[in-house]
Protein backbone atom coordinates (compact mmCIF):
# COMPACT_ATOMS: atom_id res chain seq x y z
CA MET A 1 3.24 56.75 -103.26
CA ALA A 2 -0.39 57.34 -102.64
CA LYS A 3 -2.23 56.71 -99.30
CA LYS A 4 -5.79 54.49 -100.16
CA ASN A 5 -8.95 54.32 -97.90
CA SER A 6 -8.59 51.12 -95.36
CA LYS A 7 -9.94 48.61 -96.96
CA LYS A 8 -9.74 44.76 -96.36
CA THR A 9 -8.07 43.79 -99.46
CA VAL A 10 -6.32 47.27 -100.03
CA PRO A 11 -2.86 48.58 -97.81
CA GLU A 12 -3.27 52.12 -96.80
CA LEU A 13 0.09 53.26 -98.46
CA ARG A 14 0.58 52.19 -101.82
CA PHE A 15 3.04 52.59 -105.16
CA ARG A 16 1.28 55.15 -107.48
CA GLY A 17 -0.44 52.97 -110.50
CA PHE A 18 -1.36 50.23 -108.52
CA THR A 19 -5.40 50.25 -107.53
CA ASP A 20 -6.15 46.51 -107.98
CA PRO A 21 -7.93 44.80 -104.87
CA TRP A 22 -5.11 42.32 -103.38
CA GLU A 23 -5.94 38.47 -103.65
CA GLN A 24 -6.42 36.58 -100.91
CA ARG A 25 -5.12 32.25 -100.85
CA GLN A 26 -4.04 29.67 -98.64
CA SER A 27 -1.19 29.24 -98.21
CA SER A 28 -1.53 25.87 -99.71
CA GLU A 29 -2.09 27.40 -102.46
CA LEU A 30 1.06 29.02 -102.84
CA PHE A 31 3.88 27.28 -101.30
CA VAL A 32 4.62 23.20 -101.36
CA PRO A 33 6.88 21.77 -98.59
CA VAL A 34 10.76 20.26 -99.26
CA LYS A 35 11.15 17.29 -98.28
CA GLU A 36 14.67 16.54 -100.58
CA ASN A 37 17.41 14.83 -98.60
CA GLY A 38 20.38 13.10 -99.46
CA HIS A 39 22.88 15.95 -99.29
CA SER A 40 25.28 15.20 -97.20
CA ASP A 41 28.38 17.04 -99.33
CA LEU A 42 26.46 20.01 -98.92
CA PRO A 43 27.58 22.74 -95.80
CA VAL A 44 24.50 22.37 -93.13
CA LEU A 45 22.55 25.47 -92.92
CA SER A 46 20.78 27.16 -89.42
CA ALA A 47 17.85 29.59 -89.34
CA THR A 48 18.67 32.61 -87.07
CA GLN A 49 16.26 35.08 -85.99
CA SER A 50 19.09 38.17 -85.96
CA GLU A 51 21.05 37.05 -89.27
CA GLY A 52 18.40 34.42 -91.38
CA MET A 53 20.25 31.65 -92.95
CA VAL A 54 23.51 31.16 -91.54
CA TYR A 55 26.25 28.35 -92.03
CA ARG A 56 26.46 26.40 -88.83
CA ASP A 57 30.42 26.25 -89.03
CA ASP A 58 30.03 30.16 -88.63
CA GLN A 59 28.53 29.74 -85.68
CA SER A 60 29.98 31.04 -82.57
CA ARG A 61 28.29 28.18 -80.25
CA ASP A 62 29.81 24.44 -80.37
CA ILE A 63 26.78 22.14 -81.52
CA LYS A 64 26.75 19.04 -81.86
CA PHE A 65 25.37 16.65 -84.66
CA LYS A 66 26.81 12.92 -85.94
CA LYS A 67 27.45 13.70 -89.86
CA ASP A 68 26.27 9.72 -90.12
CA ASN A 69 23.02 11.63 -89.93
CA LEU A 70 23.28 14.07 -92.52
CA GLY A 71 22.08 11.89 -95.62
CA SER A 72 18.76 12.66 -93.29
CA TYR A 73 18.88 16.55 -93.76
CA LYS A 74 16.52 18.55 -95.57
CA LEU A 75 17.87 20.23 -98.72
CA VAL A 76 17.38 24.28 -98.99
CA ARG A 77 18.06 25.69 -102.17
CA ALA A 78 18.66 29.49 -102.19
CA GLY A 79 15.28 31.09 -102.09
CA ASP A 80 13.42 28.63 -100.11
CA PHE A 81 11.89 29.43 -97.34
CA VAL A 82 12.51 27.61 -93.63
CA ILE A 83 10.42 28.07 -90.68
CA SER A 84 13.07 27.89 -87.50
CA LEU A 85 12.56 26.25 -84.38
CA ARG A 86 11.54 29.93 -82.92
CA SER A 87 8.37 29.89 -85.31
CA PHE A 88 5.94 31.25 -82.99
CA GLN A 89 8.18 34.27 -82.50
CA GLY A 90 8.49 34.69 -86.35
CA GLY A 91 11.27 32.51 -87.12
CA PHE A 92 10.13 32.44 -91.18
CA GLU A 93 13.88 32.75 -93.36
CA LEU A 94 14.40 33.38 -96.59
CA SER A 95 17.45 31.52 -97.57
CA ASP A 96 20.33 33.31 -99.60
CA LYS A 97 22.40 30.07 -99.71
CA THR A 98 22.09 26.64 -100.87
CA GLY A 99 22.70 23.35 -98.16
CA ILE A 100 20.87 21.50 -96.10
CA VAL A 101 18.95 21.61 -92.24
CA SER A 102 17.64 19.38 -89.78
CA PRO A 103 14.94 17.61 -90.45
CA ALA A 104 13.64 19.43 -87.30
CA TYR A 105 12.78 22.39 -89.86
CA THR A 106 10.02 23.14 -92.12
CA VAL A 107 11.86 24.06 -95.43
CA PHE A 108 8.71 25.43 -98.48
CA THR A 109 8.67 26.96 -101.70
CA HIS A 110 6.80 28.67 -103.78
CA ALA A 111 4.63 26.88 -105.52
CA GLU A 112 5.04 29.16 -108.99
CA CYS A 113 8.03 30.77 -108.80
CA SER A 114 7.30 32.95 -111.53
CA SER A 115 4.27 34.76 -110.11
CA GLN A 116 5.32 35.37 -106.98
CA ASP A 117 8.52 37.91 -105.74
CA ASN A 118 10.55 36.63 -102.87
CA GLY A 119 11.20 39.84 -100.79
CA TYR A 120 7.67 40.81 -100.79
CA TRP A 121 6.85 37.07 -98.94
CA LYS A 122 10.46 37.74 -96.65
CA GLN A 123 8.60 41.24 -95.46
CA TYR A 124 5.13 39.26 -95.54
CA PHE A 125 6.00 37.06 -93.47
CA LYS A 126 7.66 39.73 -90.51
CA ARG A 127 4.84 41.09 -89.92
CA ARG A 128 2.94 41.83 -86.79
CA SER A 129 -0.12 40.73 -88.14
CA PHE A 130 1.52 37.55 -89.51
CA ILE A 131 3.02 36.76 -86.76
CA GLU A 132 -0.02 37.00 -84.50
CA SER A 133 -1.92 34.56 -86.95
CA LEU A 134 0.66 32.03 -86.57
CA LYS A 135 -1.20 31.69 -82.69
CA THR A 136 -3.82 30.09 -84.28
CA VAL A 137 -1.74 27.39 -85.87
CA THR A 138 0.84 27.39 -83.28
CA PHE A 139 -1.21 26.78 -80.01
CA GLY A 140 1.24 24.67 -77.59
CA ILE A 141 4.50 24.68 -79.72
CA ARG A 142 7.06 25.61 -77.51
CA ASP A 143 10.62 27.45 -78.54
CA GLY A 144 12.58 23.81 -80.04
CA LYS A 145 9.54 22.73 -82.28
CA ALA A 146 8.75 24.19 -85.96
CA ILE A 147 5.24 24.65 -87.48
CA SER A 148 5.02 21.60 -89.97
CA PHE A 149 3.56 23.05 -93.66
CA SER A 150 -0.09 21.17 -93.14
CA ASP A 151 -0.17 23.98 -89.67
CA PHE A 152 0.92 26.90 -92.13
CA SER A 153 -1.04 25.69 -95.08
CA SER A 154 -3.67 26.23 -93.16
CA LEU A 155 -3.34 29.83 -93.25
CA LYS A 156 -4.83 32.45 -95.52
CA CYS A 157 -2.12 35.17 -97.87
CA ILE A 158 -2.92 38.10 -99.20
CA PHE A 159 -0.90 39.52 -101.88
CA PRO A 160 -0.40 42.05 -104.82
CA THR A 161 0.16 41.56 -108.40
CA LEU A 162 3.86 40.29 -109.43
CA PRO A 163 4.88 43.97 -110.38
CA GLU A 164 3.88 45.27 -107.36
CA GLN A 165 5.37 42.69 -104.94
CA ARG A 166 8.43 43.62 -107.14
CA LEU A 167 8.36 47.05 -106.04
CA ILE A 168 7.19 46.22 -102.62
CA GLY A 169 10.24 43.52 -102.03
CA GLN A 170 12.62 46.09 -103.61
CA PHE A 171 12.12 49.26 -101.31
CA PHE A 172 12.30 47.02 -98.00
CA LYS A 173 15.70 45.65 -99.91
CA THR A 174 17.21 48.76 -99.66
CA LEU A 175 15.53 49.78 -96.10
CA ASP A 176 17.33 47.01 -94.61
CA SER A 177 20.47 48.07 -96.69
CA LEU A 178 20.46 51.49 -94.68
CA ILE A 179 20.01 49.32 -91.38
CA ALA A 180 22.69 47.21 -92.03
CA ALA A 181 24.78 49.96 -92.88
CA ALA A 182 23.64 51.83 -89.40
CA GLU A 183 24.19 48.61 -87.62
CA ARG A 184 27.42 48.44 -88.61
CA GLN A 185 28.93 51.80 -88.31
CA GLU A 186 27.58 51.54 -84.39
CA ALA A 187 29.41 48.24 -84.24
CA LEU A 188 32.04 49.97 -85.62
CA LEU A 189 32.56 52.98 -83.95
CA LYS A 190 31.98 50.23 -80.12
CA GLN A 191 35.19 48.15 -81.33
CA LYS A 192 36.72 51.51 -81.94
CA LYS A 193 36.03 52.49 -78.32
CA GLN A 194 37.16 49.22 -76.97
CA ALA A 195 40.60 49.39 -78.32
CA TYR A 196 40.94 52.97 -77.41
CA LEU A 197 40.03 51.75 -73.93
CA GLN A 198 43.02 49.34 -73.71
CA LEU A 199 45.34 51.17 -75.60
CA MET A 200 44.80 54.88 -74.01
CA PHE A 201 45.14 53.44 -70.64
CA PRO A 202 48.62 51.99 -68.71
CA ARG A 203 48.10 47.80 -68.44
CA GLU A 204 48.53 45.88 -65.55
CA GLY A 205 52.09 46.89 -64.03
CA GLU A 206 52.79 49.27 -66.53
CA THR A 207 52.91 53.08 -65.45
CA GLU A 208 52.24 54.54 -68.82
CA PRO A 209 49.90 53.79 -72.08
CA ARG A 210 50.75 52.67 -75.34
CA LEU A 211 48.79 55.38 -76.98
CA ARG A 212 48.60 58.87 -75.87
CA PHE A 213 48.12 62.10 -76.95
CA ALA A 214 50.61 64.85 -78.03
CA GLY A 215 52.32 66.94 -75.41
CA PHE A 216 52.13 64.62 -72.87
CA SER A 217 54.30 62.46 -71.04
CA GLY A 218 55.88 60.99 -67.52
CA GLN A 219 54.77 58.27 -65.35
CA TRP A 220 51.04 58.01 -64.39
CA GLN A 221 50.88 57.81 -61.01
CA GLN A 222 49.12 55.42 -58.72
CA ARG A 223 46.48 56.17 -56.02
CA GLN A 224 43.87 55.25 -54.23
CA LEU A 225 39.49 55.52 -55.11
CA GLY A 226 39.13 56.79 -51.64
CA GLU A 227 41.71 59.51 -52.33
CA VAL A 228 39.79 61.09 -55.10
CA THR A 229 36.03 60.54 -54.62
CA VAL A 230 34.10 60.98 -51.88
CA GLU A 231 30.60 58.81 -50.97
CA ARG A 232 27.44 60.58 -50.90
CA THR A 233 25.23 58.95 -48.50
CA GLN A 234 22.29 62.18 -47.43
CA ARG A 235 18.95 60.27 -47.92
CA SER A 236 16.16 62.08 -49.63
CA ALA A 237 12.08 61.79 -50.91
CA ASP A 238 12.43 64.54 -53.50
CA GLY A 239 14.16 64.69 -56.80
CA GLU A 240 13.62 63.21 -59.94
CA LEU A 241 14.02 58.92 -59.71
CA LEU A 242 17.31 58.17 -61.32
CA SER A 243 18.12 54.48 -62.72
CA VAL A 244 21.59 53.61 -64.00
CA SER A 245 22.51 50.93 -66.81
CA MET A 246 25.88 49.70 -68.40
CA SER A 247 24.73 50.88 -72.12
CA ARG A 248 22.92 54.18 -70.69
CA GLY A 249 24.83 55.43 -68.24
CA VAL A 250 22.26 57.46 -65.70
CA TYR A 251 18.91 58.66 -67.29
CA PRO A 252 15.24 59.60 -65.98
CA ALA A 253 13.43 55.93 -64.51
CA SER A 254 11.00 57.96 -66.19
CA LEU A 255 12.97 56.54 -69.19
CA SER A 256 13.26 53.02 -69.02
CA ASP A 257 11.35 50.70 -70.44
CA ARG A 258 11.51 48.32 -67.69
CA LYS A 259 8.62 47.83 -65.21
CA ASP A 260 8.97 50.45 -62.24
CA ASN A 261 9.74 48.27 -59.23
CA SER A 262 10.60 51.42 -56.90
CA SER A 263 9.38 51.43 -53.73
CA THR A 264 6.49 53.88 -53.20
CA ASP A 265 8.55 55.37 -50.02
CA LYS A 266 11.11 56.55 -50.75
CA SER A 267 13.06 58.22 -47.79
CA ASN A 268 16.04 56.17 -48.15
CA TYR A 269 16.83 56.98 -51.50
CA LYS A 270 20.09 58.66 -51.59
CA ARG A 271 20.65 61.84 -53.20
CA LEU A 272 22.93 62.80 -55.92
CA ALA A 273 24.69 66.56 -57.79
CA ALA A 274 24.56 66.70 -61.59
CA GLY A 275 28.35 65.31 -61.60
CA ASP A 276 28.39 62.68 -59.54
CA ILE A 277 29.09 59.19 -60.31
CA VAL A 278 26.29 56.20 -59.61
CA TYR A 279 27.28 52.53 -59.66
CA ASN A 280 25.12 49.51 -59.50
CA SER A 281 26.91 47.63 -56.16
CA MET A 282 26.13 44.49 -57.53
CA ARG A 283 26.69 44.98 -61.45
CA MET A 284 29.77 47.03 -61.30
CA TRP A 285 31.72 43.89 -62.28
CA GLN A 286 30.09 44.83 -65.62
CA GLY A 287 30.52 48.01 -66.02
CA ALA A 288 27.34 49.20 -64.32
CA CYS A 289 27.77 53.30 -64.22
CA GLY A 290 27.83 56.47 -65.07
CA LEU A 291 28.49 59.70 -64.90
CA SER A 292 24.97 61.87 -63.91
CA PRO A 293 23.96 64.95 -66.05
CA TYR A 294 21.07 65.01 -63.57
CA GLY A 295 20.50 66.04 -59.80
CA GLY A 296 18.03 63.81 -58.33
CA ILE A 297 17.85 60.46 -55.80
CA VAL A 298 18.45 56.80 -56.73
CA SER A 299 17.31 52.97 -55.11
CA PRO A 300 20.10 52.82 -52.04
CA ALA A 301 21.38 50.06 -54.04
CA TYR A 302 23.13 52.13 -55.87
CA THR A 303 26.44 53.72 -54.67
CA VAL A 304 26.73 57.77 -55.24
CA VAL A 305 30.45 59.25 -55.26
CA ALA A 306 31.57 62.27 -55.85
CA PRO A 307 34.74 62.80 -57.58
CA THR A 308 37.14 65.65 -55.88
CA GLU A 309 38.64 68.75 -57.49
CA GLU A 310 41.98 66.50 -57.93
CA VAL A 311 40.11 64.19 -60.81
CA ASP A 312 38.35 64.96 -63.71
CA ALA A 313 34.54 62.47 -63.33
CA ARG A 314 34.48 62.05 -67.46
CA TYR A 315 37.80 60.21 -66.84
CA LEU A 316 37.12 58.05 -63.82
CA VAL A 317 34.24 57.07 -65.71
CA ASP A 318 36.17 56.25 -68.90
CA LEU A 319 38.56 54.52 -66.57
CA PHE A 320 35.67 52.47 -64.63
CA LYS A 321 34.98 50.99 -68.43
CA THR A 322 38.44 49.23 -69.22
CA THR A 323 39.27 45.79 -68.70
CA ARG A 324 41.35 46.08 -66.01
CA MET A 325 39.54 47.86 -63.75
CA LEU A 326 36.33 45.63 -64.19
CA GLN A 327 38.40 42.45 -62.89
CA LYS A 328 39.55 44.76 -60.07
CA PHE A 329 35.94 45.41 -59.20
CA GLN A 330 34.94 41.26 -59.68
CA ARG A 331 38.03 40.51 -57.26
CA ASP A 332 36.99 43.21 -54.81
CA SER A 333 33.14 42.65 -55.05
CA GLN A 334 32.16 40.36 -51.88
CA GLY A 335 29.16 37.75 -52.33
CA LEU A 336 29.86 33.46 -52.67
CA THR A 337 28.35 33.89 -56.66
CA SER A 338 27.88 36.32 -59.18
CA ASP A 339 24.63 36.83 -58.54
CA THR A 340 25.23 38.76 -54.77
CA TRP A 341 28.53 39.92 -55.65
CA ASN A 342 28.48 43.46 -54.43
CA LEU A 343 31.01 46.11 -54.36
CA LYS A 344 30.52 48.56 -51.69
CA TYR A 345 32.12 51.89 -51.02
CA PRO A 346 34.25 50.74 -48.41
CA ALA A 347 36.31 48.34 -50.38
CA PHE A 348 36.10 50.30 -53.64
CA SER A 349 37.97 53.17 -52.33
CA LYS A 350 40.72 51.09 -51.63
CA ILE A 351 41.23 49.87 -54.95
CA GLY A 352 44.14 51.47 -56.17
CA CYS A 353 44.15 53.23 -60.17
CA SER A 354 46.67 55.16 -62.43
CA PHE A 355 46.22 59.03 -62.80
CA PRO A 356 47.73 61.28 -65.27
CA THR A 357 47.97 64.82 -64.63
CA LEU A 358 44.69 66.37 -64.63
CA PRO A 359 44.87 68.15 -67.64
CA GLU A 360 45.72 65.00 -69.60
CA GLN A 361 42.58 63.44 -67.75
CA ARG A 362 40.31 65.93 -68.85
CA ARG A 363 41.76 65.79 -72.60
CA ILE A 364 40.82 61.75 -72.25
CA GLY A 365 37.64 62.35 -71.02
CA GLU A 366 36.83 64.39 -73.76
CA PHE A 367 38.10 62.18 -76.43
CA PHE A 368 35.47 59.56 -74.68
CA SER A 369 32.94 61.87 -74.74
CA THR A 370 33.54 62.93 -78.31
CA LEU A 371 33.39 59.38 -79.43
CA ASP A 372 29.91 58.28 -77.13
CA SER A 373 28.35 61.06 -78.40
CA LEU A 374 28.88 59.38 -81.77
CA ILE A 375 28.05 56.43 -80.77
CA ALA A 376 24.87 57.73 -79.86
CA ALA A 377 23.94 59.31 -83.00
CA THR A 378 24.81 56.35 -84.50
CA GLU A 379 22.48 54.10 -82.21
CA LYS A 380 19.61 56.97 -82.55
CA ARG A 381 19.74 56.46 -86.51
CA THR A 382 19.74 52.99 -85.61
CA ALA A 383 16.67 53.07 -84.21
CA SER A 384 14.92 55.56 -86.33
CA LEU A 385 15.07 53.48 -89.60
CA ARG A 386 14.13 50.39 -86.86
CA ALA A 387 10.78 52.60 -86.59
CA LEU A 388 10.33 53.35 -90.28
CA LYS A 389 10.58 49.71 -91.12
CA SER A 390 7.86 48.69 -88.55
CA ALA A 391 6.05 51.24 -89.77
CA TYR A 392 5.96 50.87 -93.59
CA LEU A 393 5.54 47.27 -92.69
CA GLN A 394 1.87 48.10 -90.90
CA ARG A 395 0.59 50.63 -94.33
CA MET A 396 2.23 49.04 -97.47
CA PHE A 397 0.91 45.49 -96.53
CA VAL A 398 -2.83 44.35 -96.26
């Protein structure tokens, strides 16, 4: 690729061999609406921002619609574009399927298919600057209402020659494939972890897990959490402010994407040491806990516990993520509704858990630590690829 000077009709980053300025035309000159109906025999499609065009029957949501109305649904051919009901957020989807969609959707296609590349326009409609340009025609449009073709047709679009369009489209298709592969690997590892969490800990009423490392045998012992943990109640305003989430565990609050709502007076904040377990008292039933690699302070809303020498801290955190334990945390949380459920240490300490010998605990903890490292690496790769795509979308278009 070759860099070009910043001009209104030339992108910053370009494939070698292309030097002509890009052409700007109104959308009404490039696209035409599709209003054909009467194909009730075709499958019903839905437009989603996460998966593009999907078959409605494949969606987990139970969407009610009258089959008598299918005759009025609009025809969508593979290669057509559909403006979703979240159009103001960039919901322009290229369909790879033939089917029909609700009349509420706006469907359009190229006026001259032979002179335009779908791959280019698929990416063009996802660019931040294009989404921003929609604000000029979406004033007053709320979620659940699509942009009409007449609104869209007033926008101006800029594009290169067909050969350059094809190269751009193919480049992003390859990048999207890499992102999809990373996402699949990430999802697979997370599914495996969930499966191992169920297999490597005993089920209710059982004293041994279904899956076990070689060299370990015998029944697991039942103990209360208060026998293997001690609550930390020291207060301090000194130290790094930490936070806890279900996905990230314990991490510096300074790295959080959320707004800092912590009190300016932190004298009542709880102190913790590296190796302590911290949990969100109101979300422990959802698995909001983590083993802290840091010393620091946390909000009084959190509960801090120090594992005793009789238990492996990493094992405890993994145990807390099992379905059986989450059900126990939910059962013993206090409050009238899920918004107010709260698990303080006195109730937490009375919950019974299964424990193998300390060497087996450590082996289980090491196993899940390795699995979590693999998951973190795939998450980082996925995030890096998404950031790379975002950067190229800004630099390879005008």
